[in-house]
Amino acid sequence: MSLLRIDNRALEIRLAESAPRSLRHFVARLTREPHTTTLATQVMHVRGGQRTRLTVNPRAGEVLLELAASASDGQTTLEIGTLQAAARSMAAMSGGKLALLHGSAVTMDGGRSAIAVLDGGRGQGKTSLALGIAARGGSLIVDEFAFTVFRSGQPCVVPMPTLPWHVRADMAPLLVPGATTRLLYPGDLPAAAVDESRPVPLSLIVIPDHGLRAGELCEPAGLAGRDLLRAAVTDHEAKLRDPMLDHVSIFSSPDDVSIRGRLDGASRDEETLDVLAAVPIICLGIGRPHELPASVASAIRRIAKAG
């Protein structure tokens, strides 16, 4: 049984014989052998089809991903698309129990607290900055799919040590010498991963900002900080509904995705924003690849100050 576990929920990924064979190794890396007490709360069926499409049924807790033969032409795209479908569908079927944030997270204190590097809707840099921070004595928690749960009003990021990190081609040589692929697993990266599923309390949110000089810090006040978090909170569900918003997608149009029933995301998103906005937020200037060290150093100083 192949289970993708997130906190106390588990998605079983079932590959049919008709599914692309290249996905088998990928799914095996994403999932782990379940504990004897672990039961699947949702199921994702993956099979071949005449066209690539996704059907999500939250009430039944089931997902169907059909992949046309052409979908296997680009293995990395196929892997990214499968992971997107699994993670986003799992969040959509959680009934509001999981918030899926667009961003990365690391820890600098052995897993007692987390620093999230989230998309503020202003460009790239999340993964590179998170890796740079972790390389200065921290550990990796998760990239791109930052599942968050709430414990007595405290947002906590769920470590996902089996998920790959998306390293930009222009940043890869600076972060991982000799890297030749876009997807790198924590074991391939220069910082250790938190190898457990216990949610880590979120203590700081960093938003890369190309409008600031590399390393420049800005602390948004009041509602400005809350507004900057909206992209991170809503991105994944928006891209589930309309895959054309993705830079990399296995789908050709929004018609390729069907969600049965209604997702009451708007009110849930506002509640998530309220809780996240209570966490300290900083905008951090991030420039060209060679300027990354300045941004990392500035982030480390701010983290040390908070500690």
C-alpha atoms as a PDB file:
ATOM      1  CA  MET A   1       0.000   0.000   0.000  1.00  0.00           C
ATOM      2  CA  SER A   2       1.397   3.412  -1.029  1.00  0.00           C
ATOM      3  CA  LEU A   3       0.326   6.070   1.478  1.00  0.00           C
ATOM      4  CA  LEU A   4       1.086   9.784   1.354  1.00  0.00           C
ATOM      5  CA  ARG A   5       0.711  10.814   5.005  1.00  0.00           C
ATOM      6  CA  ILE A   6      -0.061  14.340   6.181  1.00  0.00           C
ATOM      7  CA  ASP A   7      -0.561  14.673   9.926  1.00  0.00           C
ATOM      8  CA  ASN A   8      -3.356  12.205  10.772  1.00  0.00           C
ATOM      9  CA  ARG A   9      -4.611  11.877   7.197  1.00  0.00           C
ATOM     10  CA  ALA A  10      -3.348   9.501   4.524  1.00  0.00           C
ATOM     11  CA  LEU A  11      -3.899   9.343   0.769  1.00  0.00           C
ATOM     12  CA  GLU A  12      -3.499   5.909  -0.788  1.00  0.00           C
ATOM     13  CA  ILE A  13      -2.120   6.193  -4.330  1.00  0.00           C
ATOM     14  CA  ARG A  14      -3.171   3.240  -6.457  1.00  0.00           C
ATOM     15  CA  LEU A  15      -1.428   2.855  -9.815  1.00  0.00           C
ATOM     16  CA  ALA A  16      -3.285   0.778 -12.390  1.00  0.00           C
ATOM     17  CA  GLU A  17      -1.402  -1.366 -14.879  1.00  0.00           C
ATOM     18  CA  SER A  18      -2.356   1.181 -17.540  1.00  0.00           C
ATOM     19  CA  ALA A  19      -0.609   4.036 -15.672  1.00  0.00           C
ATOM     20  CA  PRO A  20       2.789   5.169 -17.006  1.00  0.00           C
ATOM     21  CA  ARG A  21       5.443   2.812 -15.691  1.00  0.00           C
ATOM     22  CA  SER A  22       7.781   5.727 -15.037  1.00  0.00           C
ATOM     23  CA  LEU A  23       5.503   6.837 -12.192  1.00  0.00           C
ATOM     24  CA  ARG A  24       6.087   3.730 -10.089  1.00  0.00           C
ATOM     25  CA  HIS A  25       9.509   4.755  -8.809  1.00  0.00           C
ATOM     26  CA  PHE A  26       8.299   8.314  -8.213  1.00  0.00           C
ATOM     27  CA  VAL A  27       5.273   7.226  -6.178  1.00  0.00           C
ATOM     28  CA  ALA A  28       7.467   4.842  -4.196  1.00  0.00           C
ATOM     29  CA  ARG A  29       9.700   7.779  -3.231  1.00  0.00           C
ATOM     30  CA  LEU A  30       6.719   9.955  -2.240  1.00  0.00           C
ATOM     31  CA  THR A  31       5.166   7.330  -0.008  1.00  0.00           C
ATOM     32  CA  ARG A  32       6.298   5.034   2.738  1.00  0.00           C
ATOM     33  CA  GLU A  33       5.264   1.644   4.004  1.00  0.00           C
ATOM     34  CA  PRO A  34       2.379   2.365   6.362  1.00  0.00           C
ATOM     35  CA  HIS A  35       2.449   1.635  10.065  1.00  0.00           C
ATOM     36  CA  THR A  36       0.097  -1.172  10.998  1.00  0.00           C
ATOM     37  CA  THR A  37      -2.297   1.390  12.509  1.00  0.00           C
ATOM     38  CA  THR A  38      -2.266   3.740   9.514  1.00  0.00           C
ATOM     39  CA  LEU A  39      -5.445   3.693   7.461  1.00  0.00           C
ATOM     40  CA  ALA A  40      -6.103   5.576   4.233  1.00  0.00           C
ATOM     41  CA  THR A  41      -8.556   8.446   4.622  1.00  0.00           C
ATOM     42  CA  GLN A  42      -8.682   9.084   0.853  1.00  0.00           C
ATOM     43  CA  VAL A  43      -7.767   7.176  -2.296  1.00  0.00           C
ATOM     44  CA  MET A  44      -6.229   8.424  -5.553  1.00  0.00           C
ATOM     45  CA  HIS A  45      -6.558   6.130  -8.554  1.00  0.00           C
ATOM     46  CA  VAL A  46      -4.055   6.706 -11.370  1.00  0.00           C
ATOM     47  CA  ARG A  47      -4.625   5.040 -14.726  1.00  0.00           C
ATOM     48  CA  GLY A  48      -4.132   5.526 -18.443  1.00  0.00           C
ATOM     49  CA  GLY A  49      -6.840   7.263 -20.448  1.00  0.00           C
ATOM     50  CA  GLN A  50      -7.723   8.815 -23.773  1.00  0.00           C
ATOM     51  CA  ARG A  51      -7.009  12.261 -22.376  1.00  0.00           C
ATOM     52  CA  THR A  52      -5.369  13.627 -19.240  1.00  0.00           C
ATOM     53  CA  ARG A  53      -7.955  14.675 -16.692  1.00  0.00           C
ATOM     54  CA  LEU A  54      -8.616  14.817 -12.958  1.00  0.00           C
ATOM     55  CA  THR A  55     -11.819  14.102 -11.062  1.00  0.00           C
ATOM     56  CA  VAL A  56     -12.036  14.962  -7.350  1.00  0.00           C
ATOM     57  CA  ASN A  57     -14.913  13.651  -5.241  1.00  0.00           C
ATOM     58  CA  PRO A  58     -14.570  15.152  -1.724  1.00  0.00           C
ATOM     59  CA  ARG A  59     -17.662  13.429  -0.342  1.00  0.00           C
ATOM     60  CA  ALA A  60     -16.412   9.970  -1.345  1.00  0.00           C
ATOM     61  CA  GLY A  61     -12.783  10.820  -0.532  1.00  0.00           C
ATOM     62  CA  GLU A  62     -11.688   9.655  -3.970  1.00  0.00           C
ATOM     63  CA  VAL A  63      -9.569  11.103  -6.770  1.00  0.00           C
ATOM     64  CA  LEU A  64      -9.197   9.779 -10.305  1.00  0.00           C
ATOM     65  CA  LEU A  65      -6.205  10.884 -12.366  1.00  0.00           C
ATOM     66  CA  GLU A  66      -6.329   9.690 -15.973  1.00  0.00           C
ATOM     67  CA  LEU A  67      -3.169  10.132 -18.016  1.00  0.00           C
ATOM     68  CA  ALA A  68      -3.037  10.118 -21.788  1.00  0.00           C
ATOM     69  CA  ALA A  69      -0.035   8.451 -23.411  1.00  0.00           C
ATOM     70  CA  SER A  70       1.355  11.881 -24.329  1.00  0.00           C
ATOM     71  CA  ALA A  71       1.511  12.812 -20.632  1.00  0.00           C
ATOM     72  CA  SER A  72       4.529  10.556 -20.171  1.00  0.00           C
ATOM     73  CA  ASP A  73       6.563  12.394 -22.843  1.00  0.00           C
ATOM     74  CA  GLY A  74       8.180  14.592 -20.196  1.00  0.00           C
ATOM     75  CA  GLN A  75       8.940  12.610 -17.050  1.00  0.00           C
ATOM     76  CA  THR A  76       9.620  15.608 -14.787  1.00  0.00           C
ATOM     77  CA  THR A  77       6.407  17.322 -15.895  1.00  0.00           C
ATOM     78  CA  LEU A  78       4.476  14.099 -15.316  1.00  0.00           C
ATOM     79  CA  GLU A  79       5.931  13.737 -11.816  1.00  0.00           C
ATOM     80  CA  ILE A  80       5.225  17.368 -10.903  1.00  0.00           C
ATOM     81  CA  GLY A  81       1.686  17.090 -12.263  1.00  0.00           C
ATOM     82  CA  THR A  82       0.980  13.917 -10.299  1.00  0.00           C
ATOM     83  CA  LEU A  83       2.271  15.479  -7.092  1.00  0.00           C
ATOM     84  CA  GLN A  84       0.205  18.622  -7.699  1.00  0.00           C
ATOM     85  CA  ALA A  85      -2.931  16.514  -8.198  1.00  0.00           C
ATOM     86  CA  ALA A  86      -2.312  14.441  -5.069  1.00  0.00           C
ATOM     87  CA  ALA A  87      -1.474  17.311  -2.709  1.00  0.00           C
ATOM     88  CA  ARG A  88      -4.153  19.719  -3.897  1.00  0.00           C
ATOM     89  CA  SER A  89      -6.856  17.061  -3.961  1.00  0.00           C
ATOM     90  CA  MET A  90      -5.933  15.959  -0.464  1.00  0.00           C
ATOM     91  CA  ALA A  91      -6.302  19.526   0.810  1.00  0.00           C
ATOM     92  CA  ALA A  92      -9.619  19.934  -1.014  1.00  0.00           C
ATOM     93  CA  MET A  93     -10.965  16.753   0.569  1.00  0.00           C
ATOM     94  CA  SER A  94      -9.860  17.606   4.117  1.00  0.00           C
ATOM     95  CA  GLY A  95     -13.022  19.488   5.010  1.00  0.00           C
ATOM     96  CA  GLY A  96     -11.010  22.471   6.203  1.00  0.00           C
ATOM     97  CA  LYS A  97      -8.772  20.374   8.480  1.00  0.00           C
ATOM     98  CA  LEU A  98      -5.684  21.162   6.355  1.00  0.00           C
ATOM     99  CA  ALA A  99      -4.539  24.474   4.884  1.00  0.00           C
ATOM    100  CA  LEU A 100      -2.233  24.059   1.893  1.00  0.00           C
ATOM    101  CA  LEU A 101       0.102  27.050   1.638  1.00  0.00           C
ATOM    102  CA  HIS A 102       2.221  27.877  -1.403  1.00  0.00           C
ATOM    103  CA  GLY A 103       5.756  28.013  -0.116  1.00  0.00           C
ATOM    104  CA  SER A 104       8.639  26.327   1.650  1.00  0.00           C
ATOM    105  CA  ALA A 105       9.505  25.872   5.316  1.00  0.00           C
ATOM    106  CA  VAL A 106      12.652  25.209   7.341  1.00  0.00           C
ATOM    107  CA  THR A 107      13.607  25.017  10.994  1.00  0.00           C
ATOM    108  CA  MET A 108      16.673  26.490  12.685  1.00  0.00           C
ATOM    109  CA  ASP A 109      16.160  25.081  16.187  1.00  0.00           C
ATOM    110  CA  GLY A 110      15.887  21.336  15.731  1.00  0.00           C
ATOM    111  CA  GLY A 111      12.185  21.309  14.960  1.00  0.00           C
ATOM    112  CA  ARG A 112      10.863  23.398  17.858  1.00  0.00           C
ATOM    113  CA  SER A 113       9.654  26.110  15.479  1.00  0.00           C
ATOM    114  CA  ALA A 114       9.322  26.692  11.729  1.00  0.00           C
ATOM    115  CA  ILE A 115      10.142  29.542   9.361  1.00  0.00           C
ATOM    116  CA  ALA A 116       7.859  29.590   6.320  1.00  0.00           C
ATOM    117  CA  VAL A 117       9.019  31.221   3.078  1.00  0.00           C
ATOM    118  CA  LEU A 118       5.751  31.948   1.290  1.00  0.00           C
ATOM    119  CA  ASP A 119       4.667  33.277  -2.087  1.00  0.00           C
ATOM    120  CA  GLY A 120       3.455  36.835  -1.774  1.00  0.00           C
ATOM    121  CA  GLY A 121       2.370  36.996  -5.405  1.00  0.00           C
ATOM    122  CA  ARG A 122       5.493  38.950  -6.358  1.00  0.00           C
ATOM    123  CA  GLY A 123       7.723  36.411  -8.073  1.00  0.00           C
ATOM    124  CA  GLN A 124      10.124  33.568  -7.413  1.00  0.00           C
ATOM    125  CA  GLY A 125      12.750  32.871  -4.812  1.00  0.00           C
ATOM    126  CA  LYS A 126      10.979  30.823  -2.122  1.00  0.00           C
ATOM    127  CA  THR A 127      12.843  27.549  -2.544  1.00  0.00           C
ATOM    128  CA  SER A 128      16.256  29.135  -3.064  1.00  0.00           C
ATOM    129  CA  LEU A 129      15.893  31.301   0.024  1.00  0.00           C
ATOM    130  CA  ALA A 130      14.633  28.413   2.162  1.00  0.00           C
ATOM    131  CA  LEU A 131      17.511  26.184   1.051  1.00  0.00           C
ATOM    132  CA  GLY A 132      19.985  28.971   1.708  1.00  0.00           C
ATOM    133  CA  ILE A 133      18.648  29.452   5.243  1.00  0.00           C
ATOM    134  CA  ALA A 134      18.670  25.716   5.970  1.00  0.00           C
ATOM    135  CA  ALA A 135      22.244  25.421   4.704  1.00  0.00           C
ATOM    136  CA  ARG A 136      23.285  27.809   7.493  1.00  0.00           C
ATOM    137  CA  GLY A 137      22.617  25.220  10.189  1.00  0.00           C
ATOM    138  CA  GLY A 138      18.937  24.483   9.699  1.00  0.00           C
ATOM    139  CA  SER A 139      16.817  21.598   8.455  1.00  0.00           C
ATOM    140  CA  LEU A 140      14.309  21.258   5.616  1.00  0.00           C
ATOM    141  CA  ILE A 141      10.619  20.802   6.377  1.00  0.00           C
ATOM    142  CA  VAL A 142       8.778  21.055   3.042  1.00  0.00           C
ATOM    143  CA  ASP A 143       8.812  22.768  -0.348  1.00  0.00           C
ATOM    144  CA  GLU A 144       5.929  24.103  -2.458  1.00  0.00           C
ATOM    145  CA  PHE A 145       3.207  22.167  -0.604  1.00  0.00           C
ATOM    146  CA  ALA A 146       3.305  23.546   2.940  1.00  0.00           C
ATOM    147  CA  PHE A 147       0.459  21.720   4.647  1.00  0.00           C
ATOM    148  CA  THR A 148      -0.544  23.549   7.808  1.00  0.00           C
ATOM    149  CA  VAL A 149      -2.738  22.458  10.703  1.00  0.00           C
ATOM    150  CA  PHE A 150      -3.965  24.519  13.622  1.00  0.00           C
ATOM    151  CA  ARG A 151      -3.403  23.504  17.244  1.00  0.00           C
ATOM    152  CA  SER A 152      -5.284  25.723  19.712  1.00  0.00           C
ATOM    153  CA  GLY A 153      -5.052  28.606  17.266  1.00  0.00           C
ATOM    154  CA  GLN A 154      -1.345  28.033  16.546  1.00  0.00           C
ATOM    155  CA  PRO A 155      -0.478  27.347  12.870  1.00  0.00           C
ATOM    156  CA  CYS A 156       1.877  24.376  12.559  1.00  0.00           C
ATOM    157  CA  VAL A 157       3.661  23.216   9.377  1.00  0.00           C
ATOM    158  CA  VAL A 158       3.630  19.482   8.669  1.00  0.00           C
ATOM    159  CA  PRO A 159       7.086  18.085   7.739  1.00  0.00           C
ATOM    160  CA  MET A 160       7.055  16.196   4.433  1.00  0.00           C
ATOM    161  CA  PRO A 161      10.494  14.552   4.223  1.00  0.00           C
ATOM    162  CA  THR A 162       9.521  12.350   1.259  1.00  0.00           C
ATOM    163  CA  LEU A 163       8.489  15.187  -1.072  1.00  0.00           C
ATOM    164  CA  PRO A 164      10.968  16.628  -3.613  1.00  0.00           C
ATOM    165  CA  TRP A 165      12.173  20.222  -3.705  1.00  0.00           C
ATOM    166  CA  HIS A 166      11.819  22.256  -6.919  1.00  0.00           C
ATOM    167  CA  VAL A 167      15.183  23.868  -7.629  1.00  0.00           C
ATOM    168  CA  ARG A 168      15.295  26.500 -10.379  1.00  0.00           C
ATOM    169  CA  ALA A 169      17.771  25.763 -13.148  1.00  0.00           C
ATOM    170  CA  ASP A 170      19.659  29.040 -12.613  1.00  0.00           C
ATOM    171  CA  MET A 171      19.901  28.470  -8.843  1.00  0.00           C
ATOM    172  CA  ALA A 172      20.810  24.772  -8.898  1.00  0.00           C
ATOM    173  CA  PRO A 173      24.592  25.272  -9.385  1.00  0.00           C
ATOM    174  CA  LEU A 174      24.703  27.617  -6.384  1.00  0.00           C
ATOM    175  CA  LEU A 175      22.718  25.316  -4.122  1.00  0.00           C
ATOM    176  CA  VAL A 176      23.504  21.807  -5.346  1.00  0.00           C
ATOM    177  CA  PRO A 177      26.713  21.475  -7.407  1.00  0.00           C
ATOM    178  CA  GLY A 178      26.214  19.075 -10.284  1.00  0.00           C
ATOM    179  CA  ALA A 179      22.412  19.063 -10.104  1.00  0.00           C
ATOM    180  CA  THR A 180      20.857  17.998 -13.421  1.00  0.00           C
ATOM    181  CA  THR A 181      17.158  17.729 -12.540  1.00  0.00           C
ATOM    182  CA  ARG A 182      14.474  20.115 -11.309  1.00  0.00           C
ATOM    183  CA  LEU A 183      13.259  17.747  -8.606  1.00  0.00           C
ATOM    184  CA  LEU A 184      15.700  17.011  -5.806  1.00  0.00           C
ATOM    185  CA  TYR A 185      14.907  15.025  -2.686  1.00  0.00           C
ATOM    186  CA  PRO A 186      16.005  16.095   0.806  1.00  0.00           C
ATOM    187  CA  GLY A 187      18.752  13.472   0.735  1.00  0.00           C
ATOM    188  CA  ASP A 188      20.215  15.186  -2.340  1.00  0.00           C
ATOM    189  CA  LEU A 189      20.299  18.607  -0.702  1.00  0.00           C
ATOM    190  CA  PRO A 190      22.927  20.212   1.548  1.00  0.00           C
ATOM    191  CA  ALA A 191      20.648  20.449   4.608  1.00  0.00           C
ATOM    192  CA  ALA A 192      19.115  17.581   6.555  1.00  0.00           C
ATOM    193  CA  ALA A 193      15.355  17.050   6.523  1.00  0.00           C
ATOM    194  CA  VAL A 194      13.156  16.813   9.609  1.00  0.00           C
ATOM    195  CA  ASP A 195      12.376  13.103   9.381  1.00  0.00           C
ATOM    196  CA  GLU A 196       9.107  12.963  11.287  1.00  0.00           C
ATOM    197  CA  SER A 197       5.516  14.019  10.745  1.00  0.00           C
ATOM    198  CA  ARG A 198       4.942  15.982  13.959  1.00  0.00           C
ATOM    199  CA  PRO A 199       3.655  19.458  12.996  1.00  0.00           C
ATOM    200  CA  VAL A 200       6.109  22.269  13.796  1.00  0.00           C
ATOM    201  CA  PRO A 201       4.755  25.561  15.253  1.00  0.00           C
ATOM    202  CA  LEU A 202       5.164  28.456  12.834  1.00  0.00           C
ATOM    203  CA  SER A 203       7.175  31.320  14.371  1.00  0.00           C
ATOM    204  CA  LEU A 204       8.058  33.528  11.369  1.00  0.00           C
ATOM    205  CA  ILE A 205       6.807  34.097   7.824  1.00  0.00           C
ATOM    206  CA  VAL A 206       9.235  35.403   5.186  1.00  0.00           C
ATOM    207  CA  ILE A 207       7.979  36.706   1.844  1.00  0.00           C
ATOM    208  CA  PRO A 208      10.588  37.202  -0.917  1.00  0.00           C
ATOM    209  CA  ASP A 209      10.141  40.590  -2.563  1.00  0.00           C
ATOM    210  CA  HIS A 210      11.848  41.576  -5.811  1.00  0.00           C
ATOM    211  CA  GLY A 211      10.822  45.185  -5.175  1.00  0.00           C
ATOM    212  CA  LEU A 212      13.363  45.472  -2.356  1.00  0.00           C
ATOM    213  CA  ARG A 213      17.159  45.452  -2.568  1.00  0.00           C
ATOM    214  CA  ALA A 214      18.742  42.067  -1.901  1.00  0.00           C
ATOM    215  CA  GLY A 215      18.846  41.612   1.880  1.00  0.00           C
ATOM    216  CA  GLU A 216      16.593  44.608   2.621  1.00  0.00           C
ATOM    217  CA  LEU A 217      13.902  43.896   5.237  1.00  0.00           C
ATOM    218  CA  CYS A 218      10.451  45.383   5.554  1.00  0.00           C
ATOM    219  CA  GLU A 219       7.866  44.462   8.208  1.00  0.00           C
ATOM    220  CA  PRO A 220       4.346  45.095   6.865  1.00  0.00           C
ATOM    221  CA  ALA A 221       1.972  46.548   9.416  1.00  0.00           C
ATOM    222  CA  GLY A 222      -1.649  45.680  10.118  1.00  0.00           C
ATOM    223  CA  LEU A 223      -3.797  44.511   7.227  1.00  0.00           C
ATOM    224  CA  ALA A 224      -0.912  44.894   4.760  1.00  0.00           C
ATOM    225  CA  GLY A 225       0.683  41.735   6.141  1.00  0.00           C
ATOM    226  CA  ARG A 226      -2.588  39.837   5.961  1.00  0.00           C
ATOM    227  CA  ASP A 227      -3.094  40.891   2.346  1.00  0.00           C
ATOM    228  CA  LEU A 228       0.405  39.690   1.414  1.00  0.00           C
ATOM    229  CA  LEU A 229      -0.504  36.195   2.644  1.00  0.00           C
ATOM    230  CA  ARG A 230      -3.540  35.819   0.399  1.00  0.00           C
ATOM    231  CA  ALA A 231      -1.619  34.428  -2.575  1.00  0.00           C
ATOM    232  CA  ALA A 232       0.036  31.747  -0.437  1.00  0.00           C
ATOM    233  CA  VAL A 233      -3.317  30.724   1.055  1.00  0.00           C
ATOM    234  CA  THR A 234      -5.353  30.620  -2.163  1.00  0.00           C
ATOM    235  CA  ASP A 235      -2.839  29.627  -4.877  1.00  0.00           C
ATOM    236  CA  HIS A 236      -3.105  25.851  -4.693  1.00  0.00           C
ATOM    237  CA  GLU A 237      -6.896  25.673  -4.709  1.00  0.00           C
ATOM    238  CA  ALA A 238      -7.041  28.231  -7.539  1.00  0.00           C
ATOM    239  CA  LYS A 239      -4.593  26.102  -9.560  1.00  0.00           C
ATOM    240  CA  LEU A 240      -6.584  22.960  -8.804  1.00  0.00           C
ATOM    241  CA  ARG A 241      -9.638  24.610 -10.346  1.00  0.00           C
ATOM    242  CA  ASP A 242      -7.705  26.209 -13.225  1.00  0.00           C
ATOM    243  CA  PRO A 243      -4.478  24.358 -14.089  1.00  0.00           C
ATOM    244  CA  MET A 244      -3.627  27.031 -16.656  1.00  0.00           C
ATOM    245  CA  LEU A 245      -2.404  29.129 -13.708  1.00  0.00           C
ATOM    246  CA  ASP A 246       0.474  26.673 -13.237  1.00  0.00           C
ATOM    247  CA  HIS A 247       3.878  27.234 -14.843  1.00  0.00           C
ATOM    248  CA  VAL A 248       4.118  23.443 -15.255  1.00  0.00           C
ATOM    249  CA  SER A 249       0.951  21.435 -15.889  1.00  0.00           C
ATOM    250  CA  ILE A 250      -0.124  18.100 -17.357  1.00  0.00           C
ATOM    251  CA  PHE A 251      -3.556  19.507 -18.231  1.00  0.00           C
ATOM    252  CA  SER A 252      -4.599  21.428 -21.317  1.00  0.00           C
ATOM    253  CA  SER A 253      -7.587  23.398 -19.990  1.00  0.00           C
ATOM    254  CA  PRO A 254      -9.766  23.939 -16.897  1.00  0.00           C
ATOM    255  CA  ASP A 255     -12.226  21.478 -18.463  1.00  0.00           C
ATOM    256  CA  ASP A 256      -9.738  18.706 -17.671  1.00  0.00           C
ATOM    257  CA  VAL A 257     -10.476  19.098 -13.949  1.00  0.00           C
ATOM    258  CA  SER A 258     -13.808  18.164 -12.383  1.00  0.00           C
ATOM    259  CA  ILE A 259     -14.637  18.728  -8.711  1.00  0.00           C
ATOM    260  CA  ARG A 260     -17.828  17.001  -7.617  1.00  0.00           C
ATOM    261  CA  GLY A 261     -19.749  18.989  -5.049  1.00  0.00           C
ATOM    262  CA  ARG A 262     -18.964  22.397  -3.666  1.00  0.00           C
ATOM    263  CA  LEU A 263     -15.756  23.508  -1.955  1.00  0.00           C
ATOM    264  CA  ASP A 264     -16.488  26.166   0.642  1.00  0.00           C
ATOM    265  CA  GLY A 265     -13.058  27.700   0.390  1.00  0.00           C
ATOM    266  CA  ALA A 266     -13.753  31.429   0.753  1.00  0.00           C
ATOM    267  CA  SER A 267     -14.737  31.496   4.433  1.00  0.00           C
ATOM    268  CA  ARG A 268     -12.060  28.924   5.284  1.00  0.00           C
ATOM    269  CA  ASP A 269      -9.398  31.064   3.568  1.00  0.00           C
ATOM    270  CA  GLU A 270     -10.401  34.131   5.604  1.00  0.00           C
ATOM    271  CA  GLU A 271     -10.088  32.167   8.851  1.00  0.00           C
ATOM    272  CA  THR A 272      -6.663  30.880   7.766  1.00  0.00           C
ATOM    273  CA  LEU A 273      -5.530  34.407   6.921  1.00  0.00           C
ATOM    274  CA  ASP A 274      -6.616  35.670  10.337  1.00  0.00           C
ATOM    275  CA  VAL A 275      -4.553  33.023  12.134  1.00  0.00           C
ATOM    276  CA  LEU A 276      -1.472  33.407   9.912  1.00  0.00           C
ATOM    277  CA  ALA A 277      -1.544  37.199  10.194  1.00  0.00           C
ATOM    278  CA  ALA A 278      -0.869  36.849  13.940  1.00  0.00           C
ATOM    279  CA  VAL A 279       2.553  35.336  13.120  1.00  0.00           C
ATOM    280  CA  PRO A 280       5.417  37.844  12.599  1.00  0.00           C
ATOM    281  CA  ILE A 281       5.796  38.603   8.872  1.00  0.00           C
ATOM    282  CA  ILE A 282       8.749  40.110   7.022  1.00  0.00           C
ATOM    283  CA  CYS A 283       9.282  40.980   3.380  1.00  0.00           C
ATOM    284  CA  LEU A 284      12.846  40.274   2.281  1.00  0.00           C
ATOM    285  CA  GLY A 285      14.560  41.619  -0.795  1.00  0.00           C
ATOM    286  CA  ILE A 286      15.823  38.873  -3.078  1.00  0.00           C
ATOM    287  CA  GLY A 287      17.670  39.773  -6.249  1.00  0.00           C
ATOM    288  CA  ARG A 288      19.669  37.815  -8.790  1.00  0.00           C
ATOM    289  CA  PRO A 289      21.171  34.388  -8.055  1.00  0.00           C
ATOM    290  CA  HIS A 290      24.572  35.802  -7.050  1.00  0.00           C
ATOM    291  CA  GLU A 291      22.841  38.070  -4.505  1.00  0.00           C
ATOM    292  CA  LEU A 292      21.264  35.181  -2.602  1.00  0.00           C
ATOM    293  CA  PRO A 293      23.938  35.174   0.167  1.00  0.00           C
ATOM    294  CA  ALA A 294      22.972  38.736   1.143  1.00  0.00           C
ATOM    295  CA  SER A 295      19.318  37.759   1.430  1.00  0.00           C
ATOM    296  CA  VAL A 296      20.142  34.642   3.444  1.00  0.00           C
ATOM    297  CA  ALA A 297      22.398  36.567   5.828  1.00  0.00           C
ATOM    298  CA  SER A 298      19.669  39.139   6.434  1.00  0.00           C
ATOM    299  CA  ALA A 299      17.113  36.401   7.114  1.00  0.00           C
ATOM    300  CA  ILE A 300      19.461  34.643   9.551  1.00  0.00           C
ATOM    301  CA  ARG A 301      19.985  37.884  11.501  1.00  0.00           C
ATOM    302  CA  ARG A 302      16.205  38.396  11.740  1.00  0.00           C
ATOM    303  CA  ILE A 303      15.663  34.799  12.855  1.00  0.00           C
ATOM    304  CA  ALA A 304      18.371  35.151  15.527  1.00  0.00           C
ATOM    305  CA  LYS A 305      16.745  38.366  16.753  1.00  0.00           C
ATOM    306  CA  ALA A 306      13.373  36.624  17.048  1.00  0.00           C
ATOM    307  CA  GLY A 307      14.965  33.764  18.993  1.00  0.00           C
END
